[in-house]
Amino acid sequence: MSNWKSKAIENLRRHVKNGTVRWTTKATREFTVLGLTEPAAFEIVESLNVEDLVGCIISETSGEELHVFKTLLDELMLYVKVAFRAECVV
């Protein structure tokens, strides 16, 4: 297991546990379109694991590093991008 991946997962889980995960407007709109509630979206984020973490990209908008996860919801592939700040932004 890649050390950076395990650290990213630990960081993500810490933010979920501490209640410091914040949703972007885009993420909120997208999980609403999928018929998901905020608690259901949190469950998806909580369930992310090292195997779901596919890499990092640099945001064209903010210039910050985003950790990219791919996970299945039923038969739909979800791409979850996470920015770690003082808060965790999804």
PDB file of N, CA and C in Angstrom:
ATOM      1  N   MET A   1       0.849  -1.178   0.000  1.00  0.00           N
ATOM      2  CA  MET A   1       0.000   0.000   0.000  1.00  0.00           C
ATOM      3  C   MET A   1       0.895   1.242   0.000  1.00  0.00           C
ATOM      4  N   SER A   2       0.583   2.188  -0.874  1.00  0.00           N
ATOM      5  CA  SER A   2       1.357   3.420  -0.945  1.00  0.00           C
ATOM      6  C   SER A   2       1.190   4.221   0.342  1.00  0.00           C
ATOM      7  N   ASN A   3       2.300   4.718   0.844  1.00  0.00           N
ATOM      8  CA  ASN A   3       2.277   5.495   2.077  1.00  0.00           C
ATOM      9  C   ASN A   3       1.433   6.761   1.938  1.00  0.00           C
ATOM     10  N   TRP A   4       1.522   7.461   0.792  1.00  0.00           N
ATOM     11  CA  TRP A   4       0.742   8.688   0.607  1.00  0.00           C
ATOM     12  C   TRP A   4      -0.746   8.380   0.563  1.00  0.00           C
ATOM     13  N   LYS A   5      -1.092   7.208   0.019  1.00  0.00           N
ATOM     14  CA  LYS A   5      -2.501   6.832  -0.031  1.00  0.00           C
ATOM     15  C   LYS A   5      -3.047   6.545   1.367  1.00  0.00           C
ATOM     16  N   SER A   6      -2.282   5.808   2.157  1.00  0.00           N
ATOM     17  CA  SER A   6      -2.759   5.500   3.510  1.00  0.00           C
ATOM     18  C   SER A   6      -2.858   6.773   4.348  1.00  0.00           C
ATOM     19  N   LYS A   7      -1.935   7.716   4.158  1.00  0.00           N
ATOM     20  CA  LYS A   7      -2.011   8.997   4.880  1.00  0.00           C
ATOM     21  C   LYS A   7      -3.233   9.798   4.446  1.00  0.00           C
ATOM     22  N   ALA A   8      -3.554   9.764   3.151  1.00  0.00           N
ATOM     23  CA  ALA A   8      -4.732  10.476   2.655  1.00  0.00           C
ATOM     24  C   ALA A   8      -6.004   9.886   3.259  1.00  0.00           C
ATOM     25  N   ILE A   9      -6.086   8.556   3.341  1.00  0.00           N
ATOM     26  CA  ILE A   9      -7.259   7.901   3.928  1.00  0.00           C
ATOM     27  C   ILE A   9      -7.367   8.241   5.410  1.00  0.00           C
ATOM     28  N   GLU A  10      -6.250   8.204   6.125  1.00  0.00           N
ATOM     29  CA  GLU A  10      -6.259   8.572   7.554  1.00  0.00           C
ATOM     30  C   GLU A  10      -6.741  10.013   7.726  1.00  0.00           C
ATOM     31  N   ASN A  11      -6.267  10.901   6.881  1.00  0.00           N
ATOM     32  CA  ASN A  11      -6.655  12.307   6.931  1.00  0.00           C
ATOM     33  C   ASN A  11      -8.158  12.450   6.663  1.00  0.00           C
ATOM     34  N   LEU A  12      -8.648  11.757   5.643  1.00  0.00           N
ATOM     35  CA  LEU A  12     -10.064  11.801   5.301  1.00  0.00           C
ATOM     36  C   LEU A  12     -10.921  11.296   6.461  1.00  0.00           C
ATOM     37  N   ARG A  13     -10.551  10.172   7.032  1.00  0.00           N
ATOM     38  CA  ARG A  13     -11.326   9.602   8.145  1.00  0.00           C
ATOM     39  C   ARG A  13     -11.308  10.519   9.368  1.00  0.00           C
ATOM     40  N   ARG A  14     -10.178  11.172   9.607  1.00  0.00           N
ATOM     41  CA  ARG A  14     -10.088  12.115  10.730  1.00  0.00           C
ATOM     42  C   ARG A  14     -11.055  13.281  10.531  1.00  0.00           C
ATOM     43  N   HIS A  15     -11.101  13.801   9.317  1.00  0.00           N
ATOM     44  CA  HIS A  15     -12.016  14.908   9.021  1.00  0.00           C
ATOM     45  C   HIS A  15     -13.474  14.475   9.169  1.00  0.00           C
ATOM     46  N   VAL A  16     -13.806  13.278   8.700  1.00  0.00           N
ATOM     47  CA  VAL A  16     -15.180  12.773   8.848  1.00  0.00           C
ATOM     48  C   VAL A  16     -15.516  12.647  10.332  1.00  0.00           C
ATOM     49  N   LYS A  17     -14.620  12.043  11.097  1.00  0.00           N
ATOM     50  CA  LYS A  17     -14.849  11.842  12.536  1.00  0.00           C
ATOM     51  C   LYS A  17     -15.006  13.172  13.271  1.00  0.00           C
ATOM     52  N   ASN A  18     -14.188  14.159  12.885  1.00  0.00           N
ATOM     53  CA  ASN A  18     -14.215  15.459  13.561  1.00  0.00           C
ATOM     54  C   ASN A  18     -15.299  16.397  13.037  1.00  0.00           C
ATOM     55  N   GLY A  19     -16.015  15.964  12.018  1.00  0.00           N
ATOM     56  CA  GLY A  19     -17.086  16.800  11.469  1.00  0.00           C
ATOM     57  C   GLY A  19     -16.589  18.002  10.693  1.00  0.00           C
ATOM     58  N   THR A  20     -15.396  17.892  10.098  1.00  0.00           N
ATOM     59  CA  THR A  20     -14.834  19.023   9.365  1.00  0.00           C
ATOM     60  C   THR A  20     -14.857  18.804   7.850  1.00  0.00           C
ATOM     61  N   VAL A  21     -15.791  17.977   7.385  1.00  0.00           N
ATOM     62  CA  VAL A  21     -15.987  17.794   5.946  1.00  0.00           C
ATOM     63  C   VAL A  21     -17.004  18.831   5.483  1.00  0.00           C
ATOM     64  N   ARG A  22     -16.683  19.532   4.420  1.00  0.00           N
ATOM     65  CA  ARG A  22     -17.575  20.530   3.844  1.00  0.00           C
ATOM     66  C   ARG A  22     -17.792  20.193   2.383  1.00  0.00           C
ATOM     67  N   TRP A  23     -19.005  20.418   1.898  1.00  0.00           N
ATOM     68  CA  TRP A  23     -19.361  20.119   0.514  1.00  0.00           C
ATOM     69  C   TRP A  23     -19.264  21.384  -0.328  1.00  0.00           C
ATOM     70  N   THR A  24     -18.744  21.242  -1.537  1.00  0.00           N
ATOM     71  CA  THR A  24     -18.823  22.357  -2.486  1.00  0.00           C
ATOM     72  C   THR A  24     -20.258  22.439  -3.000  1.00  0.00           C
ATOM     73  N   THR A  25     -20.592  23.567  -3.584  1.00  0.00           N
ATOM     74  CA  THR A  25     -21.914  23.723  -4.189  1.00  0.00           C
ATOM     75  C   THR A  25     -22.122  22.676  -5.281  1.00  0.00           C
ATOM     76  N   LYS A  26     -21.092  22.436  -6.068  1.00  0.00           N
ATOM     77  CA  LYS A  26     -21.173  21.448  -7.150  1.00  0.00           C
ATOM     78  C   LYS A  26     -21.435  20.053  -6.586  1.00  0.00           C
ATOM     79  N   ALA A  27     -20.715  19.661  -5.543  1.00  0.00           N
ATOM     80  CA  ALA A  27     -20.912  18.336  -4.949  1.00  0.00           C
ATOM     81  C   ALA A  27     -22.324  18.184  -4.397  1.00  0.00           C
ATOM     82  N   THR A  28     -22.810  19.221  -3.727  1.00  0.00           N
ATOM     83  CA  THR A  28     -24.169  19.187  -3.173  1.00  0.00           C
ATOM     84  C   THR A  28     -25.195  19.027  -4.292  1.00  0.00           C
ATOM     85  N   ARG A  29     -25.016  19.779  -5.348  1.00  0.00           N
ATOM     86  CA  ARG A  29     -25.932  19.689  -6.496  1.00  0.00           C
ATOM     87  C   ARG A  29     -25.886  18.285  -7.102  1.00  0.00           C
ATOM     88  N   GLU A  30     -24.682  17.730  -7.248  1.00  0.00           N
ATOM     89  CA  GLU A  30     -24.548  16.418  -7.883  1.00  0.00           C
ATOM     90  C   GLU A  30     -25.124  15.299  -7.032  1.00  0.00           C
ATOM     91  N   PHE A  31     -24.903  15.314  -5.706  1.00  0.00           N
ATOM     92  CA  PHE A  31     -25.489  14.220  -4.933  1.00  0.00           C
ATOM     93  C   PHE A  31     -26.998  14.373  -4.815  1.00  0.00           C
ATOM     94  N   THR A  32     -27.494  15.605  -4.902  1.00  0.00           N
ATOM     95  CA  THR A  32     -28.945  15.819  -4.900  1.00  0.00           C
ATOM     96  C   THR A  32     -29.567  15.275  -6.188  1.00  0.00           C
ATOM     97  N   VAL A  33     -28.924  15.531  -7.337  1.00  0.00           N
ATOM     98  CA  VAL A  33     -29.408  15.021  -8.623  1.00  0.00           C
ATOM     99  C   VAL A  33     -29.453  13.489  -8.610  1.00  0.00           C
ATOM    100  N   LEU A  34     -28.514  12.868  -7.912  1.00  0.00           N
ATOM    101  CA  LEU A  34     -28.488  11.405  -7.817  1.00  0.00           C
ATOM    102  C   LEU A  34     -29.519  10.861  -6.831  1.00  0.00           C
ATOM    103  N   GLY A  35     -30.238  11.774  -6.160  1.00  0.00           N
ATOM    104  CA  GLY A  35     -31.247  11.346  -5.204  1.00  0.00           C
ATOM    105  C   GLY A  35     -30.677  10.988  -3.841  1.00  0.00           C
ATOM    106  N   LEU A  36     -29.450  11.437  -3.576  1.00  0.00           N
ATOM    107  CA  LEU A  36     -28.798  11.146  -2.297  1.00  0.00           C
ATOM    108  C   LEU A  36     -29.042  12.267  -1.295  1.00  0.00           C
ATOM    109  N   THR A  37     -29.156  11.893  -0.052  1.00  0.00           N
ATOM    110  CA  THR A  37     -29.222  12.869   1.028  1.00  0.00           C
ATOM    111  C   THR A  37     -27.798  13.168   1.480  1.00  0.00           C
ATOM    112  N   GLU A  38     -27.632  14.210   2.268  1.00  0.00           N
ATOM    113  CA  GLU A  38     -26.302  14.513   2.795  1.00  0.00           C
ATOM    114  C   GLU A  38     -25.772  13.363   3.657  1.00  0.00           C
ATOM    115  N   PRO A  39     -26.585  12.762   4.550  1.00  0.00           N
ATOM    116  CA  PRO A  39     -26.077  11.609   5.310  1.00  0.00           C
ATOM    117  C   PRO A  39     -25.630  10.448   4.407  1.00  0.00           C
ATOM    118  N   ALA A  40     -26.340  10.224   3.313  1.00  0.00           N
ATOM    119  CA  ALA A  40     -25.938   9.155   2.390  1.00  0.00           C
ATOM    120  C   ALA A  40     -24.610   9.508   1.707  1.00  0.00           C
ATOM    121  N   ALA A  41     -24.436  10.777   1.363  1.00  0.00           N
ATOM    122  CA  ALA A  41     -23.179  11.216   0.758  1.00  0.00           C
ATOM    123  C   ALA A  41     -22.023  11.046   1.754  1.00  0.00           C
ATOM    124  N   PHE A  42     -22.278  11.346   3.027  1.00  0.00           N
ATOM    125  CA  PHE A  42     -21.245  11.125   4.053  1.00  0.00           C
ATOM    126  C   PHE A  42     -20.882   9.650   4.153  1.00  0.00           C
ATOM    127  N   GLU A  43     -21.869   8.782   4.049  1.00  0.00           N
ATOM    128  CA  GLU A  43     -21.596   7.337   4.100  1.00  0.00           C
ATOM    129  C   GLU A  43     -20.670   6.915   2.965  1.00  0.00           C
ATOM    130  N   ILE A  44     -20.886   7.489   1.784  1.00  0.00           N
ATOM    131  CA  ILE A  44     -20.016   7.177   0.646  1.00  0.00           C
ATOM    132  C   ILE A  44     -18.591   7.632   0.936  1.00  0.00           C
ATOM    133  N   VAL A  45     -18.449   8.862   1.433  1.00  0.00           N
ATOM    134  CA  VAL A  45     -17.109   9.382   1.750  1.00  0.00           C
ATOM    135  C   VAL A  45     -16.450   8.531   2.840  1.00  0.00           C
ATOM    136  N   GLU A  46     -17.208   8.167   3.859  1.00  0.00           N
ATOM    137  CA  GLU A  46     -16.669   7.326   4.935  1.00  0.00           C
ATOM    138  C   GLU A  46     -16.205   5.967   4.431  1.00  0.00           C
ATOM    139  N   SER A  47     -16.858   5.456   3.396  1.00  0.00           N
ATOM    140  CA  SER A  47     -16.539   4.112   2.911  1.00  0.00           C
ATOM    141  C   SER A  47     -15.353   4.091   1.947  1.00  0.00           C
ATOM    142  N   LEU A  48     -14.863   5.251   1.522  1.00  0.00           N
ATOM    143  CA  LEU A  48     -13.737   5.286   0.600  1.00  0.00           C
ATOM    144  C   LEU A  48     -12.517   4.634   1.233  1.00  0.00           C
ATOM    145  N   ASN A  49     -11.749   3.910   0.410  1.00  0.00           N
ATOM    146  CA  ASN A  49     -10.563   3.228   0.935  1.00  0.00           C
ATOM    147  C   ASN A  49      -9.386   3.416  -0.020  1.00  0.00           C
ATOM    148  N   VAL A  50      -8.267   2.844   0.343  1.00  0.00           N
ATOM    149  CA  VAL A  50      -7.031   3.020  -0.421  1.00  0.00           C
ATOM    150  C   VAL A  50      -7.199   2.568  -1.865  1.00  0.00           C
ATOM    151  N   GLU A  51      -7.940   1.481  -2.075  1.00  0.00           N
ATOM    152  CA  GLU A  51      -8.138   0.981  -3.436  1.00  0.00           C
ATOM    153  C   GLU A  51      -8.950   1.954  -4.291  1.00  0.00           C
ATOM    154  N   ASP A  52      -9.777   2.784  -3.657  1.00  0.00           N
ATOM    155  CA  ASP A  52     -10.587   3.768  -4.391  1.00  0.00           C
ATOM    156  C   ASP A  52      -9.782   4.996  -4.805  1.00  0.00           C
ATOM    157  N   LEU A  53      -8.668   5.247  -4.140  1.00  0.00           N
ATOM    158  CA  LEU A  53      -7.856   6.439  -4.403  1.00  0.00           C
ATOM    159  C   LEU A  53      -7.006   6.195  -5.650  1.00  0.00           C
ATOM    160  N   VAL A  54      -7.346   6.896  -6.726  1.00  0.00           N
ATOM    161  CA  VAL A  54      -6.687   6.638  -8.006  1.00  0.00           C
ATOM    162  C   VAL A  54      -5.586   7.637  -8.344  1.00  0.00           C
ATOM    163  N   GLY A  55      -5.503   8.744  -7.624  1.00  0.00           N
ATOM    164  CA  GLY A  55      -4.448   9.700  -7.906  1.00  0.00           C
ATOM    165  C   GLY A  55      -4.766  11.090  -7.415  1.00  0.00           C
ATOM    166  N   CYS A  56      -3.932  12.020  -7.844  1.00  0.00           N
ATOM    167  CA  CYS A  56      -4.100  13.428  -7.475  1.00  0.00           C
ATOM    168  C   CYS A  56      -4.048  14.264  -8.747  1.00  0.00           C
ATOM    169  N   ILE A  57      -4.797  15.346  -8.725  1.00  0.00           N
ATOM    170  CA  ILE A  57      -4.767  16.306  -9.823  1.00  0.00           C
ATOM    171  C   ILE A  57      -4.669  17.699  -9.215  1.00  0.00           C
ATOM    172  N   ILE A  58      -4.322  18.655 -10.029  1.00  0.00           N
ATOM    173  CA  ILE A  58      -4.299  20.047  -9.600  1.00  0.00           C
ATOM    174  C   ILE A  58      -5.546  20.726 -10.174  1.00  0.00           C
ATOM    175  N   SER A  59      -6.306  21.354  -9.305  1.00  0.00           N
ATOM    176  CA  SER A  59      -7.523  22.048  -9.725  1.00  0.00           C
ATOM    177  C   SER A  59      -7.173  23.207 -10.640  1.00  0.00           C
ATOM    178  N   GLU A  60      -7.837  23.259 -11.789  1.00  0.00           N
ATOM    179  CA  GLU A  60      -7.629  24.382 -12.709  1.00  0.00           C
ATOM    180  C   GLU A  60      -8.192  25.672 -12.124  1.00  0.00           C
ATOM    181  N   THR A  61      -9.189  25.550 -11.262  1.00  0.00           N
ATOM    182  CA  THR A  61      -9.834  26.725 -10.675  1.00  0.00           C
ATOM    183  C   THR A  61      -9.034  27.301  -9.520  1.00  0.00           C
ATOM    184  N   SER A  62      -8.683  26.443  -8.556  1.00  0.00           N
ATOM    185  CA  SER A  62      -8.049  26.933  -7.328  1.00  0.00           C
ATOM    186  C   SER A  62      -6.541  26.709  -7.278  1.00  0.00           C
ATOM    187  N   GLY A  63      -6.034  25.808  -8.124  1.00  0.00           N
ATOM    188  CA  GLY A  63      -4.614  25.494  -8.095  1.00  0.00           C
ATOM    189  C   GLY A  63      -4.208  24.548  -6.970  1.00  0.00           C
ATOM    190  N   GLU A  64      -5.188  24.060  -6.215  1.00  0.00           N
ATOM    191  CA  GLU A  64      -4.854  23.169  -5.100  1.00  0.00           C
ATOM    192  C   GLU A  64      -4.908  21.710  -5.522  1.00  0.00           C
ATOM    193  N   GLU A  65      -4.216  20.877  -4.754  1.00  0.00           N
ATOM    194  CA  GLU A  65      -4.183  19.447  -5.020  1.00  0.00           C
ATOM    195  C   GLU A  65      -5.502  18.802  -4.604  1.00  0.00           C
ATOM    196  N   LEU A  66      -6.046  17.977  -5.497  1.00  0.00           N
ATOM    197  CA  LEU A  66      -7.268  17.235  -5.217  1.00  0.00           C
ATOM    198  C   LEU A  66      -6.960  15.745  -5.279  1.00  0.00           C
ATOM    199  N   HIS A  67      -7.346  15.020  -4.244  1.00  0.00           N
ATOM    200  CA  HIS A  67      -7.234  13.567  -4.238  1.00  0.00           C
ATOM    201  C   HIS A  67      -8.477  13.027  -4.943  1.00  0.00           C
ATOM    202  N   VAL A  68      -8.285  12.150  -5.909  1.00  0.00           N
ATOM    203  CA  VAL A  68      -9.390  11.643  -6.722  1.00  0.00           C
ATOM    204  C   VAL A  68      -9.664  10.182  -6.360  1.00  0.00           C
ATOM    205  N   PHE A  69     -10.922   9.927  -6.018  1.00  0.00           N
ATOM    206  CA  PHE A  69     -11.386   8.585  -5.678  1.00  0.00           C
ATOM    207  C   PHE A  69     -12.403   8.143  -6.718  1.00  0.00           C
ATOM    208  N   LYS A  70     -12.404   6.853  -7.048  1.00  0.00           N
ATOM    209  CA  LYS A  70     -13.439   6.260  -7.892  1.00  0.00           C
ATOM    210  C   LYS A  70     -14.091   5.148  -7.082  1.00  0.00           C
ATOM    211  N   THR A  71     -15.413   5.176  -7.012  1.00  0.00           N
ATOM    212  CA  THR A  71     -16.136   4.151  -6.274  1.00  0.00           C
ATOM    213  C   THR A  71     -17.482   3.900  -6.954  1.00  0.00           C
ATOM    214  N   LEU A  72     -18.003   2.708  -6.769  1.00  0.00           N
ATOM    215  CA  LEU A  72     -19.294   2.369  -7.371  1.00  0.00           C
ATOM    216  C   LEU A  72     -20.435   2.617  -6.403  1.00  0.00           C
ATOM    217  N   LEU A  73     -21.499   3.199  -6.931  1.00  0.00           N
ATOM    218  CA  LEU A  73     -22.765   3.334  -6.213  1.00  0.00           C
ATOM    219  C   LEU A  73     -23.763   2.569  -7.062  1.00  0.00           C
ATOM    220  N   ASP A  74     -24.169   1.399  -6.569  1.00  0.00           N
ATOM    221  CA  ASP A  74     -24.941   0.462  -7.385  1.00  0.00           C
ATOM    222  C   ASP A  74     -24.097   0.182  -8.628  1.00  0.00           C
ATOM    223  N   GLU A  75     -24.558   0.562  -9.806  1.00  0.00           N
ATOM    224  CA  GLU A  75     -23.763   0.324 -11.020  1.00  0.00           C
ATOM    225  C   GLU A  75     -23.189   1.624 -11.591  1.00  0.00           C
ATOM    226  N   LEU A  76     -23.284   2.701 -10.830  1.00  0.00           N
ATOM    227  CA  LEU A  76     -22.833   4.012 -11.284  1.00  0.00           C
ATOM    228  C   LEU A  76     -21.451   4.326 -10.694  1.00  0.00           C
ATOM    229  N   MET A  77     -20.489   4.638 -11.572  1.00  0.00           N
ATOM    230  CA  MET A  77     -19.156   5.006 -11.118  1.00  0.00           C
ATOM    231  C   MET A  77     -19.172   6.460 -10.657  1.00  0.00           C
ATOM    232  N   LEU A  78     -18.762   6.680  -9.418  1.00  0.00           N
ATOM    233  CA  LEU A  78     -18.668   8.030  -8.865  1.00  0.00           C
ATOM    234  C   LEU A  78     -17.210   8.453  -8.814  1.00  0.00           C
ATOM    235  N   TYR A  79     -16.962   9.694  -9.148  1.00  0.00           N
ATOM    236  CA  TYR A  79     -15.641  10.297  -8.987  1.00  0.00           C
ATOM    237  C   TYR A  79     -15.774  11.301  -7.851  1.00  0.00           C
ATOM    238  N   VAL A  80     -14.998  11.100  -6.809  1.00  0.00           N
ATOM    239  CA  VAL A  80     -15.050  11.971  -5.642  1.00  0.00           C
ATOM    240  C   VAL A  80     -13.696  12.670  -5.544  1.00  0.00           C
ATOM    241  N   LYS A  81     -13.725  13.992  -5.580  1.00  0.00           N
ATOM    242  CA  LYS A  81     -12.498  14.778  -5.469  1.00  0.00           C
ATOM    243  C   LYS A  81     -12.475  15.427  -4.100  1.00  0.00           C
ATOM    244  N   VAL A  82     -11.332  15.296  -3.418  1.00  0.00           N
ATOM    245  CA  VAL A  82     -11.209  15.786  -2.041  1.00  0.00           C
ATOM    246  C   VAL A  82     -10.014  16.733  -1.950  1.00  0.00           C
ATOM    247  N   ALA A  83     -10.265  17.911  -1.355  1.00  0.00           N
ATOM    248  CA  ALA A  83      -9.204  18.868  -1.064  1.00  0.00           C
ATOM    249  C   ALA A  83      -9.026  18.899   0.443  1.00  0.00           C
ATOM    250  N   PHE A  84      -7.812  18.705   0.910  1.00  0.00           N
ATOM    251  CA  PHE A  84      -7.536  18.786   2.336  1.00  0.00           C
ATOM    252  C   PHE A  84      -7.042  20.182   2.667  1.00  0.00           C
ATOM    253  N   ARG A  85      -7.798  20.865   3.506  1.00  0.00           N
ATOM    254  CA  ARG A  85      -7.441  22.199   4.015  1.00  0.00           C
ATOM    255  C   ARG A  85      -7.524  22.097   5.524  1.00  0.00           C
ATOM    256  N   ALA A  86      -7.801  23.200   6.184  1.00  0.00           N
ATOM    257  CA  ALA A  86      -8.111  23.123   7.631  1.00  0.00           C
ATOM    258  C   ALA A  86      -9.366  22.287   7.787  1.00  0.00           C
ATOM    259  N   GLU A  87     -10.246  22.359   6.759  1.00  0.00           N
ATOM    260  CA  GLU A  87     -11.414  21.501   6.659  1.00  0.00           C
ATOM    261  C   GLU A  87     -11.193  20.597   5.460  1.00  0.00           C
ATOM    262  N   CYS A  88     -11.967  19.563   5.348  1.00  0.00           N
ATOM    263  CA  CYS A  88     -11.908  18.666   4.209  1.00  0.00           C
ATOM    264  C   CYS A  88     -13.048  19.047   3.281  1.00  0.00           C
ATOM    265  N   VAL A  89     -12.737  19.396   2.043  1.00  0.00           N
ATOM    266  CA  VAL A  89     -13.755  19.849   1.097  1.00  0.00           C
ATOM    267  C   VAL A  89     -13.956  18.802   0.037  1.00  0.00           C
ATOM    268  N   VAL A  90     -15.229  18.380  -0.154  1.00  0.00           N
ATOM    269  CA  VAL A  90     -15.578  17.366  -1.156  1.00  0.00           C
ATOM    270  C   VAL A  90     -16.398  18.020  -2.244  1.00  0.00           C
TER     271      VAL A  90
END
